[in-house]
Amino acid sequence: MPIDFDAVRKAFYGPPLPSPLQQLPTREEILAEHQRICLQVTRELGVDPSPAAIGEHGSLIGGIGRPLTVIARPIGKLLRLGPMPLEWFDHPRARRTWNGGVDDSAALRERIEFLEQVIRSHLAGFPNPPTASELASWIECPVSLPRGAGALYNIFENISPGQCARMLSKGHFSVYEVARVIIHSEARSPELIAWLHQFAVDPKQKNLDDPDARRTAEPVLP
């Protein structure tokens, strides 16, 4: 769908996005928040925002006749937003292990091999990195760790959406478990949070048999 520029401008002059979020932000709200933050930063630095076409000085907010506002990144990757609360991932489809559990030796071996790859990719040189079995237990029960544990933050701040999706298909974890450990890790990579939010369902929405709810909750696995 095309961007509703009137909605962007309305959001820009409205209140900022709350933290933590109370609902999934629209693309228009993200654009408005990005411009609001950029304008605040330039002013705090004593920089004139006009040449960069920021905020009301550019076409996105100021409209026709203003210099063109250039947004260099995809909208979903503009802001370091916190994830929705865990309740948004606490629904039957997210609780399901999407590619089967680890009840057989082949699935368990696939999980361990995948987590070993994750550790090699994101914890190389990290002091006392966890084993694959330890990392699996952290994902299954992260409350036993201090918030923002360094190893978890390092993994999820740098993991790609594709590799995180393989947490479901090859790691045999549920969306709920992955959401819980991401929230616990305090990682806020825009790419990661955008990936996670595709599975978020408003807890006030009770009927997951609704087609729109099903599309929101069903992940696309690689």
C-alpha atoms as a PDB file:
ATOM      1  CA  MET A   1       0.000   0.000   0.000  1.00  0.00           C
ATOM      2  CA  PRO A   2       1.202   3.559  -0.702  1.00  0.00           C
ATOM      3  CA  ILE A   3       2.289   5.777   2.150  1.00  0.00           C
ATOM      4  CA  ASP A   4      -0.444   8.031   3.539  1.00  0.00           C
ATOM      5  CA  PHE A   5       1.498  11.291   3.747  1.00  0.00           C
ATOM      6  CA  ASP A   6      -1.309  13.080   5.558  1.00  0.00           C
ATOM      7  CA  ALA A   7      -1.117  10.389   8.259  1.00  0.00           C
ATOM      8  CA  VAL A   8       2.681  10.855   8.464  1.00  0.00           C
ATOM      9  CA  ARG A   9       2.262  14.586   9.030  1.00  0.00           C
ATOM     10  CA  LYS A  10      -0.515  14.059  11.559  1.00  0.00           C
ATOM     11  CA  ALA A  11       1.664  11.587  13.504  1.00  0.00           C
ATOM     12  CA  PHE A  12       4.663  13.943  13.332  1.00  0.00           C
ATOM     13  CA  TYR A  13       2.728  16.702  15.084  1.00  0.00           C
ATOM     14  CA  GLY A  14       1.119  14.250  17.490  1.00  0.00           C
ATOM     15  CA  PRO A  15       2.611  12.532  20.554  1.00  0.00           C
ATOM     16  CA  PRO A  16       5.766  10.414  20.138  1.00  0.00           C
ATOM     17  CA  LEU A  17       5.563   6.634  20.075  1.00  0.00           C
ATOM     18  CA  PRO A  18       5.263   5.282  23.622  1.00  0.00           C
ATOM     19  CA  SER A  19       7.961   3.108  25.128  1.00  0.00           C
ATOM     20  CA  PRO A  20       7.215   0.292  25.558  1.00  0.00           C
ATOM     21  CA  LEU A  21       4.934   0.117  22.558  1.00  0.00           C
ATOM     22  CA  GLN A  22       1.246  -0.468  23.182  1.00  0.00           C
ATOM     23  CA  GLN A  23       0.404  -1.508  19.639  1.00  0.00           C
ATOM     24  CA  LEU A  24       2.261  -2.259  16.435  1.00  0.00           C
ATOM     25  CA  PRO A  25       3.246   1.069  14.844  1.00  0.00           C
ATOM     26  CA  THR A  26       2.155   1.840  11.304  1.00  0.00           C
ATOM     27  CA  ARG A  27       4.647   2.729   8.597  1.00  0.00           C
ATOM     28  CA  GLU A  28       3.406   6.296   8.804  1.00  0.00           C
ATOM     29  CA  GLU A  29       4.029   6.433  12.560  1.00  0.00           C
ATOM     30  CA  ILE A  30       7.538   5.044  12.092  1.00  0.00           C
ATOM     31  CA  LEU A  31       8.348   7.642   9.434  1.00  0.00           C
ATOM     32  CA  ALA A  32       6.995  10.422  11.640  1.00  0.00           C
ATOM     33  CA  GLU A  33       8.981   9.228  14.666  1.00  0.00           C
ATOM     34  CA  HIS A  34      12.142   8.968  12.558  1.00  0.00           C
ATOM     35  CA  GLN A  35      11.745  12.548  11.349  1.00  0.00           C
ATOM     36  CA  ARG A  36      10.950  13.763  14.873  1.00  0.00           C
ATOM     37  CA  ILE A  37      14.109  12.119  16.251  1.00  0.00           C
ATOM     38  CA  CYS A  38      16.279  13.398  13.380  1.00  0.00           C
ATOM     39  CA  LEU A  39      14.987  16.928  13.936  1.00  0.00           C
ATOM     40  CA  GLN A  40      15.645  16.728  17.682  1.00  0.00           C
ATOM     41  CA  VAL A  41      19.190  15.435  17.162  1.00  0.00           C
ATOM     42  CA  THR A  42      20.131  18.129  14.636  1.00  0.00           C
ATOM     43  CA  ARG A  43      18.843  20.843  16.926  1.00  0.00           C
ATOM     44  CA  GLU A  44      20.682  19.410  19.935  1.00  0.00           C
ATOM     45  CA  LEU A  45      23.876  19.404  17.846  1.00  0.00           C
ATOM     46  CA  GLY A  46      23.278  22.997  16.778  1.00  0.00           C
ATOM     47  CA  VAL A  47      22.954  21.952  13.122  1.00  0.00           C
ATOM     48  CA  ASP A  48      20.560  23.631  10.693  1.00  0.00           C
ATOM     49  CA  PRO A  49      17.996  20.960   9.644  1.00  0.00           C
ATOM     50  CA  SER A  50      16.959  22.863   6.503  1.00  0.00           C
ATOM     51  CA  PRO A  51      19.711  21.658   4.108  1.00  0.00           C
ATOM     52  CA  ALA A  52      19.003  18.021   5.041  1.00  0.00           C
ATOM     53  CA  ALA A  53      15.242  18.508   4.493  1.00  0.00           C
ATOM     54  CA  ILE A  54      14.453  17.154   7.963  1.00  0.00           C
ATOM     55  CA  GLY A  55      11.052  17.441   9.596  1.00  0.00           C
ATOM     56  CA  GLU A  56       8.950  20.390   8.480  1.00  0.00           C
ATOM     57  CA  HIS A  57      11.935  21.617   6.429  1.00  0.00           C
ATOM     58  CA  GLY A  58      11.475  18.758   3.939  1.00  0.00           C
ATOM     59  CA  SER A  59       8.787  17.495   1.594  1.00  0.00           C
ATOM     60  CA  LEU A  60       7.759  14.520   3.743  1.00  0.00           C
ATOM     61  CA  ILE A  61       6.446  16.716   6.555  1.00  0.00           C
ATOM     62  CA  GLY A  62       6.455  20.199   5.016  1.00  0.00           C
ATOM     63  CA  GLY A  63       4.729  19.154   1.801  1.00  0.00           C
ATOM     64  CA  ILE A  64       4.964  20.511  -1.729  1.00  0.00           C
ATOM     65  CA  GLY A  65       7.501  23.290  -2.216  1.00  0.00           C
ATOM     66  CA  ARG A  66       9.925  21.951   0.379  1.00  0.00           C
ATOM     67  CA  PRO A  67      13.222  20.209  -0.526  1.00  0.00           C
ATOM     68  CA  LEU A  68      12.890  16.472  -1.112  1.00  0.00           C
ATOM     69  CA  THR A  69      13.144  14.365   2.039  1.00  0.00           C
ATOM     70  CA  VAL A  70      15.318  11.325   1.314  1.00  0.00           C
ATOM     71  CA  ILE A  71      14.795   8.184   3.419  1.00  0.00           C
ATOM     72  CA  ALA A  72      17.795   5.956   2.767  1.00  0.00           C
ATOM     73  CA  ARG A  73      16.652   2.791   4.571  1.00  0.00           C
ATOM     74  CA  PRO A  74      13.541   0.605   4.424  1.00  0.00           C
ATOM     75  CA  ILE A  75      10.879   1.948   6.773  1.00  0.00           C
ATOM     76  CA  GLY A  76      10.929  -1.120   9.018  1.00  0.00           C
ATOM     77  CA  LYS A  77      14.643  -0.610   9.650  1.00  0.00           C
ATOM     78  CA  LEU A  78      14.618   3.071  10.572  1.00  0.00           C
ATOM     79  CA  LEU A  79      14.132   2.861  14.343  1.00  0.00           C
ATOM     80  CA  ARG A  80      15.483   0.805  17.232  1.00  0.00           C
ATOM     81  CA  LEU A  81      12.104   0.017  18.704  1.00  0.00           C
ATOM     82  CA  GLY A  82      11.583  -2.331  21.592  1.00  0.00           C
ATOM     83  CA  PRO A  83       9.545  -5.455  20.823  1.00  0.00           C
ATOM     84  CA  MET A  84       5.906  -5.788  21.699  1.00  0.00           C
ATOM     85  CA  PRO A  85       5.293  -7.310  25.159  1.00  0.00           C
ATOM     86  CA  LEU A  86       5.500 -11.092  25.421  1.00  0.00           C
ATOM     87  CA  GLU A  87       1.691 -11.300  25.679  1.00  0.00           C
ATOM     88  CA  TRP A  88       1.518 -10.446  21.965  1.00  0.00           C
ATOM     89  CA  PHE A  89       3.309 -13.745  21.207  1.00  0.00           C
ATOM     90  CA  ASP A  90       1.323 -15.835  23.671  1.00  0.00           C
ATOM     91  CA  HIS A  91      -1.229 -17.405  21.335  1.00  0.00           C
ATOM     92  CA  PRO A  92      -1.713 -21.000  20.174  1.00  0.00           C
ATOM     93  CA  ARG A  93       0.094 -20.669  16.861  1.00  0.00           C
ATOM     94  CA  ALA A  94       3.111 -19.002  18.452  1.00  0.00           C
ATOM     95  CA  ARG A  95       3.228 -21.600  21.219  1.00  0.00           C
ATOM     96  CA  ARG A  96       3.444 -24.418  18.681  1.00  0.00           C
ATOM     97  CA  THR A  97       6.839 -25.813  17.707  1.00  0.00           C
ATOM     98  CA  TRP A  98       6.654 -25.008  14.033  1.00  0.00           C
ATOM     99  CA  ASN A  99       8.810 -27.784  12.608  1.00  0.00           C
ATOM    100  CA  GLY A 100       8.293 -30.466  15.238  1.00  0.00           C
ATOM    101  CA  GLY A 101       9.946 -30.856  18.625  1.00  0.00           C
ATOM    102  CA  VAL A 102      13.228 -32.493  19.542  1.00  0.00           C
ATOM    103  CA  ASP A 103      11.714 -35.789  20.606  1.00  0.00           C
ATOM    104  CA  ASP A 104      13.916 -37.799  18.239  1.00  0.00           C
ATOM    105  CA  SER A 105      17.701 -37.920  17.947  1.00  0.00           C
ATOM    106  CA  ALA A 106      17.766 -36.503  14.401  1.00  0.00           C
ATOM    107  CA  ALA A 107      15.874 -33.336  15.420  1.00  0.00           C
ATOM    108  CA  LEU A 108      18.027 -32.901  18.523  1.00  0.00           C
ATOM    109  CA  ARG A 109      21.175 -33.280  16.435  1.00  0.00           C
ATOM    110  CA  GLU A 110      19.866 -30.703  13.945  1.00  0.00           C
ATOM    111  CA  ARG A 111      19.185 -28.279  16.816  1.00  0.00           C
ATOM    112  CA  ILE A 112      22.666 -28.706  18.291  1.00  0.00           C
ATOM    113  CA  GLU A 113      24.378 -28.334  14.906  1.00  0.00           C
ATOM    114  CA  PHE A 114      22.382 -25.198  14.157  1.00  0.00           C
ATOM    115  CA  LEU A 115      23.117 -23.605  17.550  1.00  0.00           C
ATOM    116  CA  GLU A 116      26.809 -24.440  17.192  1.00  0.00           C
ATOM    117  CA  GLN A 117      26.731 -22.491  13.926  1.00  0.00           C
ATOM    118  CA  VAL A 118      25.029 -19.557  15.673  1.00  0.00           C
ATOM    119  CA  ILE A 119      27.696 -19.568  18.387  1.00  0.00           C
ATOM    120  CA  ARG A 120      30.522 -19.652  15.833  1.00  0.00           C
ATOM    121  CA  SER A 121      28.913 -16.816  13.882  1.00  0.00           C
ATOM    122  CA  HIS A 122      28.162 -14.427  16.728  1.00  0.00           C
ATOM    123  CA  LEU A 123      30.332 -15.364  19.709  1.00  0.00           C
ATOM    124  CA  ALA A 124      33.739 -15.852  18.102  1.00  0.00           C
ATOM    125  CA  GLY A 125      36.269 -14.532  20.617  1.00  0.00           C
ATOM    126  CA  PHE A 126      33.579 -14.066  23.249  1.00  0.00           C
ATOM    127  CA  PRO A 127      34.837 -15.021  26.739  1.00  0.00           C
ATOM    128  CA  ASN A 128      33.341 -18.269  28.050  1.00  0.00           C
ATOM    129  CA  PRO A 129      30.765 -18.729  25.281  1.00  0.00           C
ATOM    130  CA  PRO A 130      27.916 -21.130  26.011  1.00  0.00           C
ATOM    131  CA  THR A 131      27.787 -24.587  24.532  1.00  0.00           C
ATOM    132  CA  ALA A 132      24.971 -25.391  22.129  1.00  0.00           C
ATOM    133  CA  SER A 133      23.162 -27.263  24.912  1.00  0.00           C
ATOM    134  CA  GLU A 134      23.512 -24.292  27.270  1.00  0.00           C
ATOM    135  CA  LEU A 135      22.239 -21.901  24.616  1.00  0.00           C
ATOM    136  CA  ALA A 136      19.253 -24.183  24.016  1.00  0.00           C
ATOM    137  CA  SER A 137      18.447 -24.141  27.728  1.00  0.00           C
ATOM    138  CA  TRP A 138      18.739 -20.340  27.787  1.00  0.00           C
ATOM    139  CA  ILE A 139      16.234 -20.069  24.950  1.00  0.00           C
ATOM    140  CA  GLU A 140      13.886 -22.503  26.663  1.00  0.00           C
ATOM    141  CA  CYS A 141      14.230 -20.806  30.067  1.00  0.00           C
ATOM    142  CA  PRO A 142      15.916 -17.367  29.850  1.00  0.00           C
ATOM    143  CA  VAL A 143      14.556 -16.210  33.213  1.00  0.00           C
ATOM    144  CA  SER A 144      17.438 -18.017  34.886  1.00  0.00           C
ATOM    145  CA  LEU A 145      19.848 -15.461  33.378  1.00  0.00           C
ATOM    146  CA  PRO A 146      20.422 -11.820  34.310  1.00  0.00           C
ATOM    147  CA  ARG A 147      18.651  -9.444  31.930  1.00  0.00           C
ATOM    148  CA  GLY A 148      20.768  -8.317  29.007  1.00  0.00           C
ATOM    149  CA  ALA A 149      23.211 -11.227  29.417  1.00  0.00           C
ATOM    150  CA  GLY A 150      26.157 -10.409  27.159  1.00  0.00           C
ATOM    151  CA  ALA A 151      26.155 -13.574  25.064  1.00  0.00           C
ATOM    152  CA  LEU A 152      22.438 -13.388  24.312  1.00  0.00           C
ATOM    153  CA  TYR A 153      22.653  -9.702  23.457  1.00  0.00           C
ATOM    154  CA  ASN A 154      25.595 -10.340  21.147  1.00  0.00           C
ATOM    155  CA  ILE A 155      23.714 -13.092  19.323  1.00  0.00           C
ATOM    156  CA  PHE A 156      20.395 -11.355  18.848  1.00  0.00           C
ATOM    157  CA  GLU A 157      21.757  -7.883  18.178  1.00  0.00           C
ATOM    158  CA  ASN A 158      23.645  -9.301  15.183  1.00  0.00           C
ATOM    159  CA  ILE A 159      21.610 -12.268  13.990  1.00  0.00           C
ATOM    160  CA  SER A 160      19.958 -11.956  10.571  1.00  0.00           C
ATOM    161  CA  PRO A 161      16.197 -12.424  10.169  1.00  0.00           C
ATOM    162  CA  GLY A 162      16.882 -15.497   8.027  1.00  0.00           C
ATOM    163  CA  GLN A 163      19.042 -17.105  10.683  1.00  0.00           C
ATOM    164  CA  CYS A 164      16.514 -16.193  13.346  1.00  0.00           C
ATOM    165  CA  ALA A 165      13.786 -17.857  11.274  1.00  0.00           C
ATOM    166  CA  ARG A 166      15.914 -21.000  11.311  1.00  0.00           C
ATOM    167  CA  MET A 167      15.585 -20.924  15.100  1.00  0.00           C
ATOM    168  CA  LEU A 168      12.089 -22.188  14.275  1.00  0.00           C
ATOM    169  CA  SER A 169      12.824 -24.577  11.416  1.00  0.00           C
ATOM    170  CA  LYS A 170      16.194 -26.020  12.466  1.00  0.00           C
ATOM    171  CA  GLY A 171      16.327 -25.107  16.153  1.00  0.00           C
ATOM    172  CA  HIS A 172      12.826 -26.532  16.702  1.00  0.00           C
ATOM    173  CA  PHE A 173      11.877 -23.672  19.034  1.00  0.00           C
ATOM    174  CA  SER A 174       8.475 -22.011  19.087  1.00  0.00           C
ATOM    175  CA  VAL A 175       7.848 -18.378  18.164  1.00  0.00           C
ATOM    176  CA  TYR A 176       6.939 -17.764  21.799  1.00  0.00           C
ATOM    177  CA  GLU A 177      10.313 -19.095  23.003  1.00  0.00           C
ATOM    178  CA  VAL A 178      12.235 -17.045  20.447  1.00  0.00           C
ATOM    179  CA  ALA A 179      10.237 -13.901  21.253  1.00  0.00           C
ATOM    180  CA  ARG A 180      10.826 -14.424  24.966  1.00  0.00           C
ATOM    181  CA  VAL A 181      14.595 -14.764  24.622  1.00  0.00           C
ATOM    182  CA  ILE A 182      14.806 -11.755  22.273  1.00  0.00           C
ATOM    183  CA  ILE A 183      12.912  -9.632  24.784  1.00  0.00           C
ATOM    184  CA  HIS A 184      15.131 -10.936  27.574  1.00  0.00           C
ATOM    185  CA  SER A 185      18.335 -10.279  25.604  1.00  0.00           C
ATOM    186  CA  GLU A 186      17.486  -6.557  25.274  1.00  0.00           C
ATOM    187  CA  ALA A 187      18.684  -6.653  21.643  1.00  0.00           C
ATOM    188  CA  ARG A 188      16.929  -4.037  19.509  1.00  0.00           C
ATOM    189  CA  SER A 189      18.224  -4.543  15.982  1.00  0.00           C
ATOM    190  CA  PRO A 190      15.577  -3.002  13.669  1.00  0.00           C
ATOM    191  CA  GLU A 191      15.806  -5.961  11.295  1.00  0.00           C
ATOM    192  CA  LEU A 192      15.284  -8.427  14.133  1.00  0.00           C
ATOM    193  CA  ILE A 193      12.360  -6.557  15.683  1.00  0.00           C
ATOM    194  CA  ALA A 194      10.683  -6.152  12.285  1.00  0.00           C
ATOM    195  CA  TRP A 195      11.028  -9.914  11.746  1.00  0.00           C
ATOM    196  CA  LEU A 196       9.644 -10.703  15.196  1.00  0.00           C
ATOM    197  CA  HIS A 197       6.664  -8.390  14.857  1.00  0.00           C
ATOM    198  CA  GLN A 198       5.251 -10.348  11.914  1.00  0.00           C
ATOM    199  CA  PHE A 199       4.135 -12.923  14.511  1.00  0.00           C
ATOM    200  CA  ALA A 200       2.631 -10.444  16.986  1.00  0.00           C
ATOM    201  CA  VAL A 201      -1.107 -10.711  17.669  1.00  0.00           C
ATOM    202  CA  ASP A 202      -2.981  -8.208  19.801  1.00  0.00           C
ATOM    203  CA  PRO A 203      -3.921 -10.121  22.987  1.00  0.00           C
ATOM    204  CA  LYS A 204      -7.348  -8.463  22.836  1.00  0.00           C
ATOM    205  CA  GLN A 205      -7.935 -10.349  19.593  1.00  0.00           C
ATOM    206  CA  LYS A 206      -9.331 -13.621  20.881  1.00  0.00           C
ATOM    207  CA  ASN A 207     -10.430 -15.374  17.702  1.00  0.00           C
ATOM    208  CA  LEU A 208      -7.345 -16.730  15.938  1.00  0.00           C
ATOM    209  CA  ASP A 209      -9.546 -18.522  13.422  1.00  0.00           C
ATOM    210  CA  ASP A 210     -10.046 -15.147  11.797  1.00  0.00           C
ATOM    211  CA  PRO A 211      -8.146 -15.093   8.437  1.00  0.00           C
ATOM    212  CA  ASP A 212      -6.353 -11.838   9.254  1.00  0.00           C
ATOM    213  CA  ALA A 213      -5.154 -13.225  12.579  1.00  0.00           C
ATOM    214  CA  ARG A 214      -3.982 -16.418  10.889  1.00  0.00           C
ATOM    215  CA  ARG A 215      -1.912 -14.453   8.354  1.00  0.00           C
ATOM    216  CA  THR A 216      -0.355 -12.416  11.141  1.00  0.00           C
ATOM    217  CA  ALA A 217       0.539 -15.381  13.306  1.00  0.00           C
ATOM    218  CA  GLU A 218       1.752 -17.864  10.698  1.00  0.00           C
ATOM    219  CA  PRO A 219       5.517 -17.546  10.069  1.00  0.00           C
ATOM    220  CA  VAL A 220       7.204 -17.994   6.712  1.00  0.00           C
ATOM    221  CA  LEU A 221      10.063 -20.404   7.182  1.00  0.00           C
ATOM    222  CA  PRO A 222      13.101 -20.527   4.877  1.00  0.00           C
END
